[in-house]
């Protein structure tokens, strides 16, 4: 855990530098990157968390979604991001960026969000949730905001949660078994892996890039990839 925190701190410091330097615009002669994140060896089993509140709605136990790994070792909920990129395509800011309290979970478990966007936080459960957001810097969680959402269907908008690049940890103060993450990116070259461990980046400037892959339980790894104009570069990242 100590090594993971240290690695995350380095990653966040690099992201902060990149945010001040990145310029978005048309990409001429770019290519694409398609990757798969896998785990070496026997995949760890997902954690089981005991529910101590609202058991009627949530059940007595819940899987943590920390280790969602296919039989082939493909890792769900990892983040892949180009490190240190200063110029590329313009970031698209979605009009409806939503982070939901649903079925006693944060949905999605890991969200990649553009820096500076407005985040909508919603509650679609028939119970009170307290969504507590922390910016993780230097291995330390720094309080951002705590949102009380007592009513089903309630939505709160906030334009401060995503002000800084890096990792945001999200917890529910009313349900300690609930945990989620938001990866705030200063550029558009960041993605969350799907159920097959896959991610894709388009309109990547030609050249050699470093890809940083982060996962909440498996740690972090850096790999290099060469992108050629008009071509797709493929890579497999083993954590």
C-alpha atoms as a PDB file:
ATOM      1  CA  UNK A   1       0.000   0.000   0.000  1.00  0.00           C
ATOM      2  CA  UNK A   2       2.869   2.376   0.823  1.00  0.00           C
ATOM      3  CA  UNK A   3       4.452   1.770  -2.584  1.00  0.00           C
ATOM      4  CA  UNK A   4       1.098   2.277  -4.288  1.00  0.00           C
ATOM      5  CA  UNK A   5       0.578   5.598  -2.519  1.00  0.00           C
ATOM      6  CA  UNK A   6       4.096   6.720  -3.482  1.00  0.00           C
ATOM      7  CA  UNK A   7       3.548   5.772  -7.112  1.00  0.00           C
ATOM      8  CA  UNK A   8       0.212   7.569  -7.166  1.00  0.00           C
ATOM      9  CA  UNK A   9       1.848  10.692  -5.713  1.00  0.00           C
ATOM     10  CA  UNK A  10       4.415  10.714  -8.531  1.00  0.00           C
ATOM     11  CA  UNK A  11       1.663  10.277 -11.093  1.00  0.00           C
ATOM     12  CA  UNK A  12      -0.388  13.137  -9.708  1.00  0.00           C
ATOM     13  CA  UNK A  13       2.616  15.471  -9.661  1.00  0.00           C
ATOM     14  CA  UNK A  14       3.254  14.696 -13.326  1.00  0.00           C
ATOM     15  CA  UNK A  15      -0.403  15.301 -14.140  1.00  0.00           C
ATOM     16  CA  UNK A  16      -0.258  18.709 -12.477  1.00  0.00           C
ATOM     17  CA  UNK A  17       2.666  19.714 -14.690  1.00  0.00           C
ATOM     18  CA  UNK A  18       0.908  18.426 -17.788  1.00  0.00           C
ATOM     19  CA  UNK A  19      -2.244  20.421 -17.001  1.00  0.00           C
ATOM     20  CA  UNK A  20      -0.314  23.692 -17.223  1.00  0.00           C
ATOM     21  CA  UNK A  21       1.298  22.760 -20.547  1.00  0.00           C
ATOM     22  CA  UNK A  22      -1.362  20.935 -22.547  1.00  0.00           C
ATOM     23  CA  UNK A  23      -2.748  22.620 -25.665  1.00  0.00           C
ATOM     24  CA  UNK A  24      -5.659  21.106 -27.559  1.00  0.00           C
ATOM     25  CA  UNK A  25      -6.395  21.418 -31.262  1.00  0.00           C
ATOM     26  CA  UNK A  26      -6.497  19.506 -34.559  1.00  0.00           C
ATOM     27  CA  UNK A  27      -4.166  16.507 -34.830  1.00  0.00           C
ATOM     28  CA  UNK A  28      -2.555  16.014 -38.237  1.00  0.00           C
ATOM     29  CA  UNK A  29      -1.037  12.640 -39.042  1.00  0.00           C
ATOM     30  CA  UNK A  30      -2.095  11.003 -35.801  1.00  0.00           C
ATOM     31  CA  UNK A  31      -2.684   7.359 -35.008  1.00  0.00           C
ATOM     32  CA  UNK A  32      -4.455   5.349 -32.325  1.00  0.00           C
ATOM     33  CA  UNK A  33      -3.649   3.134 -29.355  1.00  0.00           C
ATOM     34  CA  UNK A  34      -5.548  -0.017 -28.396  1.00  0.00           C
ATOM     35  CA  UNK A  35      -4.488  -1.776 -25.232  1.00  0.00           C
ATOM     36  CA  UNK A  36      -5.390  -4.559 -22.846  1.00  0.00           C
ATOM     37  CA  UNK A  37      -4.568  -4.560 -19.138  1.00  0.00           C
ATOM     38  CA  UNK A  38      -3.989  -7.994 -17.619  1.00  0.00           C
ATOM     39  CA  UNK A  39      -2.828  -9.420 -14.319  1.00  0.00           C
ATOM     40  CA  UNK A  40       0.113 -11.776 -14.088  1.00  0.00           C
ATOM     41  CA  UNK A  41      -0.362 -15.076 -12.296  1.00  0.00           C
ATOM     42  CA  UNK A  42      -3.439 -16.089 -10.379  1.00  0.00           C
ATOM     43  CA  UNK A  43      -5.977 -13.227 -10.240  1.00  0.00           C
ATOM     44  CA  UNK A  44      -6.877 -12.093  -6.721  1.00  0.00           C
ATOM     45  CA  UNK A  45     -10.451 -12.713  -5.641  1.00  0.00           C
ATOM     46  CA  UNK A  46     -12.682  -9.692  -5.215  1.00  0.00           C
ATOM     47  CA  UNK A  47     -13.146  -8.462  -1.654  1.00  0.00           C
ATOM     48  CA  UNK A  48     -16.375  -9.136   0.207  1.00  0.00           C
ATOM     49  CA  UNK A  49     -17.602  -6.274   2.354  1.00  0.00           C
ATOM     50  CA  UNK A  50     -20.070  -6.621   5.218  1.00  0.00           C
ATOM     51  CA  UNK A  51     -23.114  -4.368   5.069  1.00  0.00           C
ATOM     52  CA  UNK A  52     -23.954  -2.853   8.436  1.00  0.00           C
ATOM     53  CA  UNK A  53     -26.651  -0.410   7.400  1.00  0.00           C
ATOM     54  CA  UNK A  54     -29.715  -0.638   5.141  1.00  0.00           C
ATOM     55  CA  UNK A  55     -29.255  -4.394   4.755  1.00  0.00           C
ATOM     56  CA  UNK A  56     -32.806  -4.728   3.420  1.00  0.00           C
ATOM     57  CA  UNK A  57     -31.891  -2.633   0.360  1.00  0.00           C
ATOM     58  CA  UNK A  58     -28.195  -3.509   0.019  1.00  0.00           C
ATOM     59  CA  UNK A  59     -28.058  -7.098   1.212  1.00  0.00           C
ATOM     60  CA  UNK A  60     -25.905  -8.538   3.989  1.00  0.00           C
ATOM     61  CA  UNK A  61     -22.694  -8.646   1.919  1.00  0.00           C
ATOM     62  CA  UNK A  62     -21.381  -6.966  -1.226  1.00  0.00           C
ATOM     63  CA  UNK A  63     -18.465  -7.496  -3.551  1.00  0.00           C
ATOM     64  CA  UNK A  64     -16.150  -4.495  -3.567  1.00  0.00           C
ATOM     65  CA  UNK A  65     -15.601  -4.387  -7.354  1.00  0.00           C
ATOM     66  CA  UNK A  66     -11.939  -3.882  -6.459  1.00  0.00           C
ATOM     67  CA  UNK A  67     -10.788  -6.943  -8.406  1.00  0.00           C
ATOM     68  CA  UNK A  68     -13.051  -7.445 -11.398  1.00  0.00           C
ATOM     69  CA  UNK A  69     -10.903  -9.782 -13.483  1.00  0.00           C
ATOM     70  CA  UNK A  70     -11.923 -12.152 -16.266  1.00  0.00           C
ATOM     71  CA  UNK A  71     -10.867 -15.842 -16.362  1.00  0.00           C
ATOM     72  CA  UNK A  72      -8.244 -14.767 -18.918  1.00  0.00           C
ATOM     73  CA  UNK A  73      -6.787 -12.260 -16.456  1.00  0.00           C
ATOM     74  CA  UNK A  74      -8.243  -9.131 -18.105  1.00  0.00           C
ATOM     75  CA  UNK A  75      -8.583  -6.287 -15.602  1.00  0.00           C
ATOM     76  CA  UNK A  76     -11.704  -4.126 -15.368  1.00  0.00           C
ATOM     77  CA  UNK A  77     -11.598  -0.626 -13.819  1.00  0.00           C
ATOM     78  CA  UNK A  78      -7.958   0.208 -14.546  1.00  0.00           C
ATOM     79  CA  UNK A  79      -7.036   3.673 -15.831  1.00  0.00           C
ATOM     80  CA  UNK A  80      -4.652   4.113 -18.759  1.00  0.00           C
ATOM     81  CA  UNK A  81      -3.340   7.610 -19.506  1.00  0.00           C
ATOM     82  CA  UNK A  82      -0.622   9.157 -21.653  1.00  0.00           C
ATOM     83  CA  UNK A  83       1.948  10.753 -19.377  1.00  0.00           C
ATOM     84  CA  UNK A  84       3.502  14.146 -20.062  1.00  0.00           C
ATOM     85  CA  UNK A  85       1.715  14.917 -23.313  1.00  0.00           C
ATOM     86  CA  UNK A  86       1.688  18.659 -24.033  1.00  0.00           C
ATOM     87  CA  UNK A  87      -0.240  18.863 -27.301  1.00  0.00           C
ATOM     88  CA  UNK A  88      -2.969  16.861 -28.976  1.00  0.00           C
ATOM     89  CA  UNK A  89      -6.676  16.771 -29.678  1.00  0.00           C
ATOM     90  CA  UNK A  90      -9.023  19.077 -27.844  1.00  0.00           C
ATOM     91  CA  UNK A  91     -10.716  17.649 -24.786  1.00  0.00           C
ATOM     92  CA  UNK A  92     -14.477  17.201 -25.033  1.00  0.00           C
ATOM     93  CA  UNK A  93     -16.404  18.239 -21.941  1.00  0.00           C
ATOM     94  CA  UNK A  94     -19.633  16.224 -21.620  1.00  0.00           C
ATOM     95  CA  UNK A  95     -22.753  18.199 -20.847  1.00  0.00           C
ATOM     96  CA  UNK A  96     -24.070  15.532 -18.482  1.00  0.00           C
ATOM     97  CA  UNK A  97     -21.165  14.118 -16.478  1.00  0.00           C
ATOM     98  CA  UNK A  98     -22.848  11.978 -13.827  1.00  0.00           C
ATOM     99  CA  UNK A  99     -21.621  10.098 -10.771  1.00  0.00           C
ATOM    100  CA  UNK A 100     -24.431   8.091  -9.254  1.00  0.00           C
ATOM    101  CA  UNK A 101     -25.275   6.424  -5.954  1.00  0.00           C
ATOM    102  CA  UNK A 102     -27.099   3.355  -7.268  1.00  0.00           C
ATOM    103  CA  UNK A 103     -27.846  -0.008  -5.641  1.00  0.00           C
ATOM    104  CA  UNK A 104     -25.547   0.850  -2.737  1.00  0.00           C
ATOM    105  CA  UNK A 105     -22.601   1.485  -5.067  1.00  0.00           C
ATOM    106  CA  UNK A 106     -20.956   4.370  -6.854  1.00  0.00           C
ATOM    107  CA  UNK A 107     -21.646   4.058 -10.568  1.00  0.00           C
ATOM    108  CA  UNK A 108     -19.377   3.830 -12.389  1.00  0.00           C
ATOM    109  CA  UNK A 109     -16.851   2.380  -9.964  1.00  0.00           C
ATOM    110  CA  UNK A 110     -14.074   4.328 -11.719  1.00  0.00           C
ATOM    111  CA  UNK A 111     -14.823   7.415 -13.798  1.00  0.00           C
ATOM    112  CA  UNK A 112     -12.410   9.350 -16.018  1.00  0.00           C
ATOM    113  CA  UNK A 113     -13.423  13.006 -16.093  1.00  0.00           C
ATOM    114  CA  UNK A 114     -11.964  16.067 -17.829  1.00  0.00           C
ATOM    115  CA  UNK A 115     -10.413  18.639 -15.557  1.00  0.00           C
ATOM    116  CA  UNK A 116     -12.621  21.694 -15.102  1.00  0.00           C
ATOM    117  CA  UNK A 117     -15.908  19.980 -15.932  1.00  0.00           C
ATOM    118  CA  UNK A 118     -19.053  20.253 -13.823  1.00  0.00           C
ATOM    119  CA  UNK A 119     -19.926  17.005 -12.048  1.00  0.00           C
ATOM    120  CA  UNK A 120     -23.493  15.952 -11.314  1.00  0.00           C
ATOM    121  CA  UNK A 121     -23.795  13.732  -8.237  1.00  0.00           C
ATOM    122  CA  UNK A 122     -27.055  11.829  -7.940  1.00  0.00           C
ATOM    123  CA  UNK A 123     -28.872   9.468  -5.587  1.00  0.00           C
ATOM    124  CA  UNK A 124     -31.091   6.807  -7.123  1.00  0.00           C
ATOM    125  CA  UNK A 125     -31.495   4.740  -3.952  1.00  0.00           C
ATOM    126  CA  UNK A 126     -34.389   4.998  -1.526  1.00  0.00           C
ATOM    127  CA  UNK A 127     -32.096   5.920   1.363  1.00  0.00           C
ATOM    128  CA  UNK A 128     -29.718   8.638   2.475  1.00  0.00           C
ATOM    129  CA  UNK A 129     -26.218   8.758   0.976  1.00  0.00           C
ATOM    130  CA  UNK A 130     -23.345  11.081   1.881  1.00  0.00           C
ATOM    131  CA  UNK A 131     -20.930  11.263  -1.057  1.00  0.00           C
ATOM    132  CA  UNK A 132     -17.569  12.393   0.331  1.00  0.00           C
ATOM    133  CA  UNK A 133     -14.883  13.445  -2.166  1.00  0.00           C
ATOM    134  CA  UNK A 134     -11.149  13.510  -1.376  1.00  0.00           C
ATOM    135  CA  UNK A 135      -8.244  14.579  -3.605  1.00  0.00           C
ATOM    136  CA  UNK A 136      -5.350  12.141  -3.126  1.00  0.00           C
ATOM    137  CA  UNK A 137      -2.057  14.075  -3.062  1.00  0.00           C
ATOM    138  CA  UNK A 138       1.262  12.736  -1.835  1.00  0.00           C
ATOM    139  CA  UNK A 139      -0.444   9.688  -0.386  1.00  0.00           C
ATOM    140  CA  UNK A 140      -2.734  11.908   1.691  1.00  0.00           C
ATOM    141  CA  UNK A 141      -6.469  12.304   1.182  1.00  0.00           C
ATOM    142  CA  UNK A 142      -7.482  15.964   1.234  1.00  0.00           C
ATOM    143  CA  UNK A 143     -11.110  16.851   1.780  1.00  0.00           C
ATOM    144  CA  UNK A 144     -12.913  18.392  -1.195  1.00  0.00           C
ATOM    145  CA  UNK A 145     -16.606  18.259  -0.345  1.00  0.00           C
ATOM    146  CA  UNK A 146     -19.185  16.137   1.429  1.00  0.00           C
ATOM    147  CA  UNK A 147     -22.589  15.996  -0.272  1.00  0.00           C
ATOM    148  CA  UNK A 148     -25.669  14.898   1.646  1.00  0.00           C
ATOM    149  CA  UNK A 149     -28.221  13.265  -0.674  1.00  0.00           C
ATOM    150  CA  UNK A 150     -31.168  12.246   1.529  1.00  0.00           C
ATOM    151  CA  UNK A 151     -33.788  11.829  -1.209  1.00  0.00           C
ATOM    152  CA  UNK A 152     -34.134   9.419  -4.101  1.00  0.00           C
ATOM    153  CA  UNK A 153     -33.823  11.248  -7.410  1.00  0.00           C
ATOM    154  CA  UNK A 154     -31.805  14.100  -5.919  1.00  0.00           C
ATOM    155  CA  UNK A 155     -29.046  15.599  -8.083  1.00  0.00           C
ATOM    156  CA  UNK A 156     -26.409  18.127  -6.993  1.00  0.00           C
ATOM    157  CA  UNK A 157     -24.095  19.907  -9.443  1.00  0.00           C
ATOM    158  CA  UNK A 158     -20.584  20.969  -8.445  1.00  0.00           C
ATOM    159  CA  UNK A 159     -17.893  22.716 -10.499  1.00  0.00           C
ATOM    160  CA  UNK A 160     -15.089  22.471  -7.909  1.00  0.00           C
ATOM    161  CA  UNK A 161     -14.576  18.719  -7.514  1.00  0.00           C
ATOM    162  CA  UNK A 162     -12.776  18.435 -10.859  1.00  0.00           C
ATOM    163  CA  UNK A 163     -10.664  21.594 -10.607  1.00  0.00           C
ATOM    164  CA  UNK A 164      -7.336  19.780 -10.170  1.00  0.00           C
ATOM    165  CA  UNK A 165      -5.870  16.817 -12.070  1.00  0.00           C
ATOM    166  CA  UNK A 166      -5.282  13.542 -10.301  1.00  0.00           C
ATOM    167  CA  UNK A 167      -7.085  10.892  -8.335  1.00  0.00           C
ATOM    168  CA  UNK A 168     -10.262  11.589  -6.372  1.00  0.00           C
ATOM    169  CA  UNK A 169     -11.385   9.010  -3.823  1.00  0.00           C
ATOM    170  CA  UNK A 170     -15.133   8.855  -3.195  1.00  0.00           C
ATOM    171  CA  UNK A 171     -16.671   7.339  -0.073  1.00  0.00           C
ATOM    172  CA  UNK A 172     -20.124   7.298   1.444  1.00  0.00           C
ATOM    173  CA  UNK A 173     -20.105   8.505   5.037  1.00  0.00           C
ATOM    174  CA  UNK A 174     -23.386   6.672   5.641  1.00  0.00           C
ATOM    175  CA  UNK A 175     -22.204   3.360   4.127  1.00  0.00           C
ATOM    176  CA  UNK A 176     -18.527   2.633   4.740  1.00  0.00           C
ATOM    177  CA  UNK A 177     -18.502  -0.291   2.296  1.00  0.00           C
ATOM    178  CA  UNK A 178     -19.069   2.081  -0.651  1.00  0.00           C
ATOM    179  CA  UNK A 179     -15.894   3.166  -2.475  1.00  0.00           C
ATOM    180  CA  UNK A 180     -15.336   4.722  -5.887  1.00  0.00           C
ATOM    181  CA  UNK A 181     -12.734   6.754  -7.786  1.00  0.00           C
ATOM    182  CA  UNK A 182     -12.644   9.612 -10.259  1.00  0.00           C
ATOM    183  CA  UNK A 183      -9.574  10.123 -12.430  1.00  0.00           C
ATOM    184  CA  UNK A 184      -9.405  13.815 -13.316  1.00  0.00           C
ATOM    185  CA  UNK A 185      -7.418  14.242 -16.523  1.00  0.00           C
ATOM    186  CA  UNK A 186      -5.920  17.480 -17.905  1.00  0.00           C
ATOM    187  CA  UNK A 187      -6.000  16.009 -21.429  1.00  0.00           C
ATOM    188  CA  UNK A 188      -8.289  13.655 -23.389  1.00  0.00           C
ATOM    189  CA  UNK A 189      -5.862  10.719 -23.527  1.00  0.00           C
ATOM    190  CA  UNK A 190      -7.123   8.814 -20.484  1.00  0.00           C
ATOM    191  CA  UNK A 191      -9.517   5.877 -20.402  1.00  0.00           C
ATOM    192  CA  UNK A 192     -11.001   3.227 -18.106  1.00  0.00           C
ATOM    193  CA  UNK A 193     -10.699  -0.418 -19.086  1.00  0.00           C
ATOM    194  CA  UNK A 194     -13.847  -2.385 -19.878  1.00  0.00           C
ATOM    195  CA  UNK A 195     -14.808  -5.948 -18.856  1.00  0.00           C
ATOM    196  CA  UNK A 196     -12.199  -7.339 -21.275  1.00  0.00           C
ATOM    197  CA  UNK A 197      -9.464  -5.102 -19.892  1.00  0.00           C
ATOM    198  CA  UNK A 198      -9.486  -3.016 -23.065  1.00  0.00           C
ATOM    199  CA  UNK A 199      -8.973   0.681 -23.656  1.00  0.00           C
ATOM    200  CA  UNK A 200      -8.677   2.808 -26.787  1.00  0.00           C
ATOM    201  CA  UNK A 201      -7.282   6.250 -27.596  1.00  0.00           C
ATOM    202  CA  UNK A 202      -7.811   7.973 -30.934  1.00  0.00           C
ATOM    203  CA  UNK A 203      -6.149  10.946 -32.652  1.00  0.00           C
ATOM    204  CA  UNK A 204      -2.898  10.421 -30.780  1.00  0.00           C
ATOM    205  CA  UNK A 205       0.022  12.489 -32.132  1.00  0.00           C
ATOM    206  CA  UNK A 206       2.633  10.367 -33.901  1.00  0.00           C
ATOM    207  CA  UNK A 207       5.728   9.585 -31.847  1.00  0.00           C
ATOM    208  CA  UNK A 208       6.733   7.638 -28.759  1.00  0.00           C
ATOM    209  CA  UNK A 209       4.540   8.020 -25.690  1.00  0.00           C
ATOM    210  CA  UNK A 210       4.577   6.736 -22.130  1.00  0.00           C
ATOM    211  CA  UNK A 211       1.380   5.083 -20.946  1.00  0.00           C
ATOM    212  CA  UNK A 212       0.737   4.977 -17.215  1.00  0.00           C
ATOM    213  CA  UNK A 213      -1.699   2.350 -16.001  1.00  0.00           C
ATOM    214  CA  UNK A 214      -3.207   2.611 -12.524  1.00  0.00           C
ATOM    215  CA  UNK A 215      -5.413   0.190 -10.611  1.00  0.00           C
ATOM    216  CA  UNK A 216      -6.629   0.594  -7.048  1.00  0.00           C
ATOM    217  CA  UNK A 217      -5.399  -2.820  -5.925  1.00  0.00           C
ATOM    218  CA  UNK A 218      -2.785  -3.918  -8.468  1.00  0.00           C
ATOM    219  CA  UNK A 219      -0.704  -0.734  -8.465  1.00  0.00           C
ATOM    220  CA  UNK A 220       0.824   1.145 -11.362  1.00  0.00           C
ATOM    221  CA  UNK A 221       3.006   0.429 -14.382  1.00  0.00           C
ATOM    222  CA  UNK A 222       4.582   2.555 -17.106  1.00  0.00           C
ATOM    223  CA  UNK A 223       5.073   1.288 -20.670  1.00  0.00           C
ATOM    224  CA  UNK A 224       6.215   2.943 -23.886  1.00  0.00           C
ATOM    225  CA  UNK A 225       4.347   2.795 -27.179  1.00  0.00           C
ATOM    226  CA  UNK A 226       5.228   4.123 -30.623  1.00  0.00           C
ATOM    227  CA  UNK A 227       2.412   5.669 -32.645  1.00  0.00           C
ATOM    228  CA  UNK A 228       2.644   5.948 -36.429  1.00  0.00           C
ATOM    229  CA  UNK A 229       0.543   8.181 -38.634  1.00  0.00           C
ATOM    230  CA  UNK A 230      -2.677   6.482 -39.721  1.00  0.00           C
ATOM    231  CA  UNK A 231      -1.911   3.262 -37.851  1.00  0.00           C
ATOM    232  CA  UNK A 232      -3.173   1.513 -34.727  1.00  0.00           C
ATOM    233  CA  UNK A 233      -0.619   0.620 -32.073  1.00  0.00           C
ATOM    234  CA  UNK A 234      -1.483  -2.371 -29.889  1.00  0.00           C
ATOM    235  CA  UNK A 235      -0.072  -3.220 -26.487  1.00  0.00           C
ATOM    236  CA  UNK A 236      -0.663  -5.501 -23.516  1.00  0.00           C
ATOM    237  CA  UNK A 237       0.109  -4.200 -20.037  1.00  0.00           C
ATOM    238  CA  UNK A 238       0.697  -6.813 -17.322  1.00  0.00           C
ATOM    239  CA  UNK A 239       0.207  -5.615 -13.759  1.00  0.00           C
END
